[in-house]
Structures are given as C-alpha cells and as structure tokens.
Amino acid sequence: MIGQIIVITIVMWIVAIFAFSPLGYFIYMYTFKDGEPFGETEPHGDSESLVLALAEIAINKAKELMAKK
C-alpha cells in the first residue's frame, strides 16, 4: 500500500516536471534576455504581409459597396 503511494507520487512528479518544463524554459529565457524572450522582433502590425494587404483590399471594397447602397 505505502509502496504504491510512493510509486504514484514519483510518477506524478515526473509528469509534472515534463508538463511544466516549457513554462520554466519560457520564464528562464524571458529573464535571461531582459524582458525579450524571443530577441529583437518587430512590433505587431508593422511588417508587410500579403495576407494583410489582401485583407485591406477586401475591407476597402466592402466599404465601397456599402457606400454605394
């Protein structure tokens, strides 16, 4: 009985270590690089993208169609 509880406790610790290791790695990298976990990145929305350009065209066309009605 006690042996089973010890085995279950050890297995739970191993599962917890593997489950929370990505979080620990992220916290380590975040503190390691002075608050920049992924290094130098562009602010969101400042980079050119085909998807953003197509979305802007679609929105402008929809606005034109709504204005004509």
N, C-alpha and C. Protein backbone atom coordinates (compact mmCIF):
# COMPACT_ATOMS: atom_id res chain seq x y z
N MET A 1 0.82 -1.20 0.00
CA MET A 1 0.00 0.00 0.00
C MET A 1 0.87 1.26 0.00
N ILE A 2 1.78 1.35 0.94
CA ILE A 2 2.66 2.51 1.01
C ILE A 2 3.57 2.56 -0.21
N GLY A 3 3.99 1.39 -0.68
CA GLY A 3 4.84 1.33 -1.87
C GLY A 3 4.13 1.87 -3.10
N GLN A 4 2.84 1.58 -3.22
CA GLN A 4 2.07 2.09 -4.35
C GLN A 4 1.94 3.61 -4.28
N ILE A 5 1.75 4.13 -3.08
CA ILE A 5 1.63 5.59 -2.91
C ILE A 5 2.94 6.28 -3.29
N ILE A 6 4.06 5.68 -2.92
CA ILE A 6 5.36 6.26 -3.26
C ILE A 6 5.57 6.23 -4.77
N VAL A 7 5.23 5.11 -5.41
CA VAL A 7 5.38 5.00 -6.87
C VAL A 7 4.49 6.01 -7.57
N ILE A 8 3.24 6.14 -7.15
CA ILE A 8 2.32 7.11 -7.75
C ILE A 8 2.84 8.53 -7.57
N THR A 9 3.39 8.83 -6.38
CA THR A 9 3.94 10.16 -6.13
C THR A 9 5.12 10.45 -7.05
N ILE A 10 5.98 9.49 -7.22
CA ILE A 10 7.15 9.68 -8.11
C ILE A 10 6.68 9.88 -9.55
N VAL A 11 5.73 9.08 -10.00
CA VAL A 11 5.21 9.21 -11.37
C VAL A 11 4.56 10.58 -11.54
N MET A 12 3.82 11.04 -10.54
CA MET A 12 3.19 12.36 -10.63
C MET A 12 4.23 13.46 -10.72
N TRP A 13 5.33 13.34 -9.98
CA TRP A 13 6.39 14.33 -10.05
C TRP A 13 7.04 14.35 -11.44
N ILE A 14 7.25 13.17 -12.01
CA ILE A 14 7.85 13.09 -13.35
C ILE A 14 6.92 13.72 -14.38
N VAL A 15 5.63 13.43 -14.31
CA VAL A 15 4.66 14.03 -15.23
C VAL A 15 4.62 15.54 -15.06
N ALA A 16 4.64 16.02 -13.82
CA ALA A 16 4.60 17.46 -13.56
C ALA A 16 5.85 18.15 -14.10
N ILE A 17 6.99 17.52 -13.96
CA ILE A 17 8.24 18.12 -14.48
C ILE A 17 8.16 18.28 -15.99
N PHE A 18 7.69 17.23 -16.69
CA PHE A 18 7.57 17.32 -18.14
C PHE A 18 6.48 18.30 -18.56
N ALA A 19 5.40 18.39 -17.79
CA ALA A 19 4.30 19.28 -18.15
C ALA A 19 4.68 20.74 -17.99
N PHE A 20 5.44 21.07 -16.96
CA PHE A 20 5.74 22.46 -16.67
C PHE A 20 7.13 22.90 -17.15
N SER A 21 7.88 22.01 -17.78
CA SER A 21 9.20 22.41 -18.26
C SER A 21 9.13 23.49 -19.36
N PRO A 22 8.16 23.49 -20.29
CA PRO A 22 8.10 24.59 -21.26
C PRO A 22 7.87 25.95 -20.58
N LEU A 23 7.04 25.96 -19.55
CA LEU A 23 6.82 27.20 -18.81
C LEU A 23 8.10 27.66 -18.13
N GLY A 24 8.81 26.75 -17.52
CA GLY A 24 10.07 27.09 -16.87
C GLY A 24 11.09 27.60 -17.87
N TYR A 25 11.15 26.98 -19.05
CA TYR A 25 12.08 27.43 -20.08
C TYR A 25 11.72 28.83 -20.56
N PHE A 26 10.42 29.11 -20.75
CA PHE A 26 9.99 30.43 -21.17
C PHE A 26 10.36 31.48 -20.12
N ILE A 27 10.12 31.18 -18.85
CA ILE A 27 10.47 32.13 -17.78
C ILE A 27 11.97 32.35 -17.75
N TYR A 28 12.75 31.28 -17.92
CA TYR A 28 14.21 31.41 -17.95
C TYR A 28 14.66 32.30 -19.10
N MET A 29 14.13 32.07 -20.30
CA MET A 29 14.53 32.88 -21.45
C MET A 29 14.06 34.32 -21.31
N TYR A 30 12.89 34.52 -20.72
CA TYR A 30 12.36 35.88 -20.55
C TYR A 30 13.25 36.68 -19.61
N THR A 31 13.68 36.07 -18.53
CA THR A 31 14.54 36.80 -17.58
C THR A 31 15.97 36.88 -18.09
N PHE A 32 16.37 35.94 -18.94
CA PHE A 32 17.74 35.91 -19.44
C PHE A 32 18.02 37.06 -20.40
N LYS A 33 17.04 37.46 -21.22
CA LYS A 33 17.24 38.47 -22.25
C LYS A 33 16.59 39.80 -21.89
N ASP A 34 16.52 40.15 -20.64
CA ASP A 34 15.99 41.43 -20.18
C ASP A 34 14.59 41.72 -20.70
N GLY A 35 13.70 40.77 -20.55
CA GLY A 35 12.32 41.00 -20.93
C GLY A 35 12.02 40.79 -22.39
N GLU A 36 12.95 40.26 -23.16
CA GLU A 36 12.71 39.97 -24.57
C GLU A 36 12.94 38.48 -24.79
N PRO A 37 11.90 37.65 -24.61
CA PRO A 37 12.12 36.21 -24.66
C PRO A 37 12.52 35.68 -26.03
N PHE A 38 12.19 36.39 -27.09
CA PHE A 38 12.49 35.89 -28.42
C PHE A 38 13.44 36.81 -29.16
N GLY A 39 14.17 37.63 -28.46
CA GLY A 39 15.13 38.52 -29.08
C GLY A 39 14.45 39.73 -29.70
N GLU A 40 15.11 40.33 -30.65
CA GLU A 40 14.58 41.52 -31.31
C GLU A 40 13.50 41.11 -32.30
N THR A 41 12.30 41.61 -32.09
CA THR A 41 11.20 41.35 -33.02
C THR A 41 10.54 42.67 -33.37
N GLU A 42 9.89 42.70 -34.54
CA GLU A 42 9.19 43.90 -34.94
C GLU A 42 7.88 44.01 -34.17
N PRO A 43 7.45 45.22 -33.89
CA PRO A 43 6.14 45.37 -33.26
C PRO A 43 5.05 44.80 -34.16
N HIS A 44 3.99 44.31 -33.56
CA HIS A 44 2.92 43.67 -34.32
C HIS A 44 2.25 44.67 -35.26
N GLY A 45 2.08 44.29 -36.51
CA GLY A 45 1.37 45.11 -37.46
C GLY A 45 2.26 46.03 -38.29
N ASP A 46 3.53 46.09 -38.00
CA ASP A 46 4.42 46.99 -38.74
C ASP A 46 5.04 46.32 -39.96
N SER A 47 5.00 45.02 -40.03
CA SER A 47 5.64 44.34 -41.15
C SER A 47 4.66 44.17 -42.30
N GLU A 48 5.20 44.17 -43.52
CA GLU A 48 4.37 43.99 -44.72
C GLU A 48 4.04 42.51 -44.86
N SER A 49 2.81 42.25 -45.27
CA SER A 49 2.37 40.87 -45.42
C SER A 49 1.34 40.81 -46.53
N LEU A 50 1.39 39.75 -47.33
CA LEU A 50 0.43 39.55 -48.40
C LEU A 50 -0.98 39.40 -47.82
N VAL A 51 -1.09 38.69 -46.71
CA VAL A 51 -2.40 38.49 -46.09
C VAL A 51 -2.98 39.82 -45.62
N LEU A 52 -2.15 40.66 -45.00
CA LEU A 52 -2.63 41.96 -44.55
C LEU A 52 -3.04 42.84 -45.72
N ALA A 53 -2.27 42.78 -46.81
CA ALA A 53 -2.60 43.58 -47.99
C ALA A 53 -3.93 43.13 -48.60
N LEU A 54 -4.13 41.81 -48.72
CA LEU A 54 -5.38 41.30 -49.27
C LEU A 54 -6.57 41.63 -48.37
N ALA A 55 -6.36 41.55 -47.06
CA ALA A 55 -7.44 41.89 -46.13
C ALA A 55 -7.81 43.37 -46.25
N GLU A 56 -6.81 44.23 -46.41
CA GLU A 56 -7.08 45.66 -46.56
C GLU A 56 -7.85 45.94 -47.85
N ILE A 57 -7.48 45.26 -48.93
CA ILE A 57 -8.19 45.43 -50.20
C ILE A 57 -9.64 44.98 -50.05
N ALA A 58 -9.86 43.84 -49.41
CA ALA A 58 -11.22 43.33 -49.22
C ALA A 58 -12.06 44.27 -48.36
N ILE A 59 -11.47 44.82 -47.33
CA ILE A 59 -12.20 45.75 -46.46
C ILE A 59 -12.56 47.02 -47.22
N ASN A 60 -11.62 47.53 -48.01
CA ASN A 60 -11.90 48.74 -48.79
C ASN A 60 -13.00 48.50 -49.82
N LYS A 61 -12.99 47.32 -50.48
CA LYS A 61 -14.04 47.01 -51.44
C LYS A 61 -15.40 46.89 -50.75
N ALA A 62 -15.41 46.28 -49.57
CA ALA A 62 -16.66 46.15 -48.82
C ALA A 62 -17.20 47.53 -48.42
N LYS A 63 -16.30 48.44 -48.03
CA LYS A 63 -16.71 49.79 -47.67
C LYS A 63 -17.28 50.51 -48.88
N GLU A 64 -16.65 50.32 -50.05
CA GLU A 64 -17.14 50.95 -51.28
C GLU A 64 -18.56 50.45 -51.62
N LEU A 65 -18.75 49.13 -51.53
CA LEU A 65 -20.06 48.55 -51.82
C LEU A 65 -21.12 49.05 -50.85
N MET A 66 -20.78 49.19 -49.59
CA MET A 66 -21.74 49.69 -48.60
C MET A 66 -22.08 51.16 -48.82
N ALA A 67 -21.07 51.91 -49.28
CA ALA A 67 -21.28 53.35 -49.52
C ALA A 67 -22.18 53.57 -50.74
N LYS A 68 -22.12 52.68 -51.73
CA LYS A 68 -22.92 52.83 -52.95
C LYS A 68 -24.38 52.55 -52.71
N LYS A 69 -24.71 51.72 -51.72
CA LYS A 69 -26.11 51.36 -51.49
C LYS A 69 -26.86 52.41 -50.79
